[in-house]
Amino acid sequence: MTPTTAVVTGAASGIGAALARQLRPRIDRLVLVDVDGERLTSTARELDAIPAEADVSDPAALDAVARVAGAPAYLCLNAGVLSADLGAPWDVPAHEWERIMATNLGGVVSGLRAFVPTMLSHAAPCSILITGSLAGLLTWPGGGAYAASKHALTAVAEQAALALDPTNISVTLLCPALVKTAMSDVGEAAEDVAQRAIEAMDDHRFVVAPPQWSDAIVRRAQRTTSGERPEVPSF
């Protein structure tokens, strides 16, 4: 019987590490990807996992991971970075736009390119989790390149879900609000967010978003279709 594998990017800490811990009992082999080699080694040792130090903004690096991992039963494209400048679009330097887009958007697109063809070649059911953000479903006045990258991820996840609908691969988009990680001192526990994400993958649900923001998401869609100006989201 072919061993089952899970691949998690951005796995050294935060949501990625939480996803890895909860997936570990389900699979035979766990491949953890992160650019932080020291933390990655520690997390991999804790979980008896295979560490793959790689920068997801480098497509060749993810291709190399895919050659090692094969076709994962669970592919969690979770790696992401926060912009150093969360102001208006014109206030964010060009190099910040490039850095954020290369990791938050490019890292997911490269992950899909590296793994999906092999996953499609296997008849067994597979799940892809893409970590987006509430900032990719709603828009605030600031947010810089980070917010734009997460909005783009929403479109990529929808494209992937539609393209893979008749196949053995399901797609889930995780859109948390604030999570207590290296990116934020406040918010939900990463373990709770990871648990909901895995439950959604099991149920083949597409979006996981905080329920308290549901009305704001609906209002945004209504304002868009009616041609009204955007509003600052609230719940």
Protein backbone atom coordinates (compact mmCIF):
# COMPACT_ATOMS: atom_id res chain seq x y z
CA MET A 1 0.00 0.00 0.00
CA THR A 2 1.36 3.43 -0.95
CA PRO A 3 2.24 5.52 2.14
CA THR A 4 0.04 8.57 2.63
CA THR A 5 1.80 11.92 2.72
CA ALA A 6 0.97 15.44 3.87
CA VAL A 7 2.89 18.52 2.76
CA VAL A 8 2.62 21.77 4.72
CA THR A 9 4.34 25.01 3.70
CA GLY A 10 5.07 27.68 6.26
CA ALA A 11 5.18 24.79 8.71
CA ALA A 12 7.83 25.91 11.20
CA SER A 13 5.37 27.82 13.40
CA GLY A 14 1.89 29.32 13.64
CA ILE A 15 -0.98 27.90 11.60
CA GLY A 16 1.39 25.74 9.56
CA ALA A 17 2.81 23.98 12.61
CA ALA A 18 -0.70 23.56 14.02
CA LEU A 19 -1.89 21.98 10.76
CA ALA A 20 1.12 19.65 10.80
CA ARG A 21 0.45 18.52 14.38
CA GLN A 22 -3.18 17.72 13.63
CA LEU A 23 -2.45 15.96 10.35
CA ARG A 24 0.38 13.84 11.76
CA PRO A 25 -1.81 11.01 13.16
CA ARG A 26 -3.63 10.68 9.84
CA ILE A 27 -0.68 10.03 7.55
CA ASP A 28 2.46 7.96 7.20
CA ARG A 29 4.81 10.67 6.03
CA LEU A 30 4.87 14.39 6.79
CA VAL A 31 6.89 16.88 4.74
CA LEU A 32 7.34 20.32 6.29
CA VAL A 33 8.47 23.30 4.24
CA ASP A 34 9.72 26.60 5.60
CA VAL A 35 12.40 29.20 4.97
CA ASP A 36 13.32 29.32 8.70
CA GLY A 37 15.68 26.38 8.92
CA GLU A 38 16.21 26.45 12.69
CA ARG A 39 12.52 26.45 13.61
CA LEU A 40 11.77 23.99 10.83
CA THR A 41 14.30 21.50 12.19
CA SER A 42 12.79 21.77 15.66
CA THR A 43 9.21 21.26 14.46
CA ALA A 44 10.21 18.40 12.17
CA ARG A 45 12.02 16.66 15.02
CA GLU A 46 8.95 17.05 17.26
CA LEU A 47 6.66 15.51 14.64
CA ASP A 48 9.01 12.93 13.13
CA ALA A 49 8.68 14.77 9.83
CA ILE A 50 10.87 15.41 6.81
CA PRO A 51 12.16 19.01 6.83
CA ALA A 52 12.52 20.79 3.51
CA GLU A 53 14.09 24.20 3.93
CA ALA A 54 12.83 26.21 0.97
CA ASP A 55 11.59 29.64 -0.01
CA VAL A 56 8.14 29.22 -1.58
CA SER A 57 8.72 32.30 -3.71
CA ASP A 58 11.21 30.17 -5.68
CA PRO A 59 9.28 27.84 -8.04
CA ALA A 60 12.31 25.58 -8.49
CA ALA A 61 12.49 25.02 -4.73
CA LEU A 62 8.89 23.78 -4.64
CA ASP A 63 9.50 21.58 -7.67
CA ALA A 64 12.33 19.96 -5.71
CA VAL A 65 10.05 19.37 -2.70
CA ALA A 66 7.42 17.82 -4.98
CA ARG A 67 9.97 15.36 -6.35
CA VAL A 68 10.62 14.17 -2.78
CA ALA A 69 7.02 14.20 -1.56
CA GLY A 70 5.24 12.68 -4.54
CA ALA A 71 1.43 12.97 -4.53
CA PRO A 72 0.27 14.13 -1.08
CA ALA A 73 -3.12 13.20 0.35
CA TYR A 74 -3.07 16.62 2.02
CA LEU A 75 -1.39 19.66 0.48
CA CYS A 76 -1.48 22.72 2.75
CA LEU A 77 -0.23 25.80 0.92
CA ASN A 78 0.01 27.92 4.01
CA ALA A 79 3.21 29.97 3.79
CA GLY A 80 2.75 33.71 3.89
CA VAL A 81 4.37 36.92 5.07
CA LEU A 82 3.01 40.18 6.41
CA SER A 83 3.89 43.46 4.75
CA ALA A 84 6.11 45.86 6.64
CA ASP A 85 3.82 48.64 5.41
CA LEU A 86 0.04 48.19 5.70
CA GLY A 87 -0.88 51.62 4.40
CA ALA A 88 -2.57 52.76 1.20
CA PRO A 89 -1.38 51.11 -2.05
CA TRP A 90 0.67 54.11 -3.14
CA ASP A 91 2.49 54.28 0.20
CA VAL A 92 3.90 50.76 -0.11
CA PRO A 93 7.34 50.62 -1.78
CA ALA A 94 7.69 48.65 -4.99
CA HIS A 95 10.06 46.13 -3.40
CA GLU A 96 7.42 45.36 -0.74
CA TRP A 97 4.79 44.72 -3.40
CA GLU A 98 7.19 42.36 -5.13
CA ARG A 99 8.16 40.53 -1.91
CA ILE A 100 4.61 40.05 -0.66
CA MET A 101 3.19 38.97 -4.01
CA ALA A 102 6.09 36.59 -4.66
CA THR A 103 5.48 34.73 -1.39
CA ASN A 104 1.76 35.04 -0.65
CA LEU A 105 0.52 34.64 -4.21
CA GLY A 106 3.46 33.18 -6.13
CA GLY A 107 4.13 30.59 -3.43
CA VAL A 108 0.62 29.18 -3.77
CA VAL A 109 0.61 29.25 -7.58
CA SER A 110 4.00 27.52 -7.66
CA GLY A 111 2.76 24.96 -5.14
CA LEU A 112 -0.24 24.15 -7.29
CA ARG A 113 1.97 23.89 -10.37
CA ALA A 114 4.42 21.60 -8.57
CA PHE A 115 1.93 19.19 -6.99
CA VAL A 116 -1.41 19.14 -8.81
CA PRO A 117 -0.31 17.18 -11.92
CA THR A 118 1.01 14.32 -9.76
CA MET A 119 -2.05 14.44 -7.48
CA LEU A 120 -4.30 14.17 -10.53
CA SER A 121 -2.47 11.04 -11.65
CA HIS A 122 -3.56 9.24 -8.47
CA ALA A 123 -7.10 7.92 -8.10
CA ALA A 124 -7.14 8.36 -4.33
CA PRO A 125 -8.96 11.42 -2.93
CA CYS A 126 -6.67 14.37 -2.18
CA SER A 127 -7.25 17.67 -0.39
CA ILE A 128 -5.67 21.08 -0.98
CA LEU A 129 -5.84 23.77 1.69
CA ILE A 130 -4.94 27.33 0.71
CA THR A 131 -4.43 29.74 3.59
CA GLY A 132 -5.93 33.06 2.64
CA SER A 133 -7.30 35.64 5.06
CA LEU A 134 -10.43 37.52 6.03
CA ALA A 135 -8.50 40.40 4.42
CA GLY A 136 -9.03 38.56 1.13
CA LEU A 137 -12.83 38.57 1.51
CA LEU A 138 -13.28 42.09 2.88
CA THR A 139 -11.43 45.34 2.23
CA TRP A 140 -10.23 47.90 4.75
CA PRO A 141 -8.71 51.33 3.87
CA GLY A 142 -5.18 50.06 4.51
CA GLY A 143 -3.72 46.61 4.24
CA GLY A 144 -1.04 47.38 1.69
CA ALA A 145 0.22 44.58 -0.53
CA TYR A 146 -0.80 41.95 2.04
CA ALA A 147 -4.53 42.56 1.53
CA ALA A 148 -4.17 42.63 -2.24
CA SER A 149 -2.24 39.34 -2.20
CA LYS A 150 -4.98 37.66 -0.18
CA HIS A 151 -7.72 38.95 -2.50
CA ALA A 152 -5.76 37.48 -5.39
CA LEU A 153 -5.49 34.19 -3.49
CA THR A 154 -9.26 34.04 -3.20
CA ALA A 155 -9.49 34.18 -7.01
CA VAL A 156 -6.76 31.53 -7.41
CA ALA A 157 -8.50 29.22 -4.94
CA GLU A 158 -11.82 29.65 -6.76
CA GLN A 159 -10.15 28.97 -10.10
CA ALA A 160 -8.53 25.83 -8.70
CA ALA A 161 -11.76 24.59 -7.12
CA LEU A 162 -13.68 25.05 -10.37
CA ALA A 163 -10.99 23.45 -12.51
CA LEU A 164 -10.64 20.48 -10.14
CA ASP A 165 -14.35 20.01 -9.46
CA PRO A 166 -14.73 16.80 -11.51
CA THR A 167 -11.50 15.26 -10.17
CA ASN A 168 -10.21 13.46 -7.10
CA ILE A 169 -8.93 16.74 -5.59
CA SER A 170 -10.95 19.05 -3.35
CA VAL A 171 -9.95 22.62 -2.52
CA THR A 172 -10.54 24.51 0.74
CA LEU A 173 -9.77 28.19 1.33
CA LEU A 174 -8.96 29.15 4.92
CA CYS A 175 -9.77 32.81 5.67
CA PRO A 176 -9.08 33.49 9.36
CA ALA A 177 -9.19 36.87 11.05
CA LEU A 178 -6.42 37.64 13.54
CA VAL A 179 -4.54 34.55 14.71
CA LYS A 180 -2.04 34.58 17.55
CA THR A 181 1.16 33.79 15.65
CA ALA A 182 4.45 35.48 14.84
CA MET A 183 2.39 37.91 12.74
CA SER A 184 0.05 38.97 15.58
CA ASP A 185 0.14 39.20 19.38
CA VAL A 186 -3.64 38.82 19.56
CA GLY A 187 -6.28 36.60 18.00
CA GLU A 188 -7.49 33.03 17.91
CA ALA A 189 -5.25 30.13 18.83
CA ALA A 190 -3.59 28.60 15.79
CA GLU A 191 -4.66 25.11 16.90
CA ASP A 192 -8.33 26.11 16.80
CA VAL A 193 -7.97 27.61 13.33
CA ALA A 194 -6.17 24.49 12.10
CA GLN A 195 -8.84 22.20 13.52
CA ARG A 196 -11.61 24.05 11.68
CA ALA A 197 -9.58 23.96 8.48
CA ILE A 198 -9.08 20.20 8.65
CA GLU A 199 -12.76 19.64 9.45
CA ALA A 200 -13.64 21.70 6.37
CA MET A 201 -11.28 19.61 4.22
CA ASP A 202 -12.95 16.46 5.53
CA ASP A 203 -16.37 17.90 4.63
CA HIS A 204 -15.16 19.21 1.23
CA ARG A 205 -16.24 22.73 2.20
CA PHE A 206 -14.69 25.49 0.13
CA VAL A 207 -14.43 28.49 2.48
CA VAL A 208 -13.64 28.63 6.20
CA ALA A 209 -14.31 32.17 7.47
CA PRO A 210 -15.19 33.61 10.90
CA PRO A 211 -18.98 33.38 11.20
CA GLN A 212 -19.25 36.76 12.93
CA TRP A 213 -18.11 38.39 9.67
CA SER A 214 -20.70 36.66 7.46
CA ASP A 215 -23.05 39.67 7.31
CA ALA A 216 -20.19 41.98 6.35
CA ILE A 217 -19.17 39.64 3.54
CA VAL A 218 -22.76 39.58 2.26
CA ARG A 219 -23.01 43.39 2.49
CA ARG A 220 -19.83 43.73 0.45
CA ALA A 221 -21.31 41.58 -2.32
CA GLN A 222 -24.55 43.56 -2.25
CA ARG A 223 -22.74 46.90 -2.44
CA THR A 224 -20.64 45.61 -5.33
CA THR A 225 -23.64 44.48 -7.37
CA SER A 226 -25.54 47.72 -6.66
CA GLY A 227 -22.61 49.94 -7.64
CA GLU A 228 -22.35 51.57 -4.20
CA ARG A 229 -19.08 52.85 -2.81
CA PRO A 230 -17.24 50.48 -0.48
CA GLU A 231 -17.68 50.75 3.29
CA VAL A 232 -15.35 49.95 6.16
CA PRO A 233 -16.30 46.40 7.27
CA SER A 234 -17.80 45.82 10.71
CA PHE A 235 -19.79 43.09 12.47
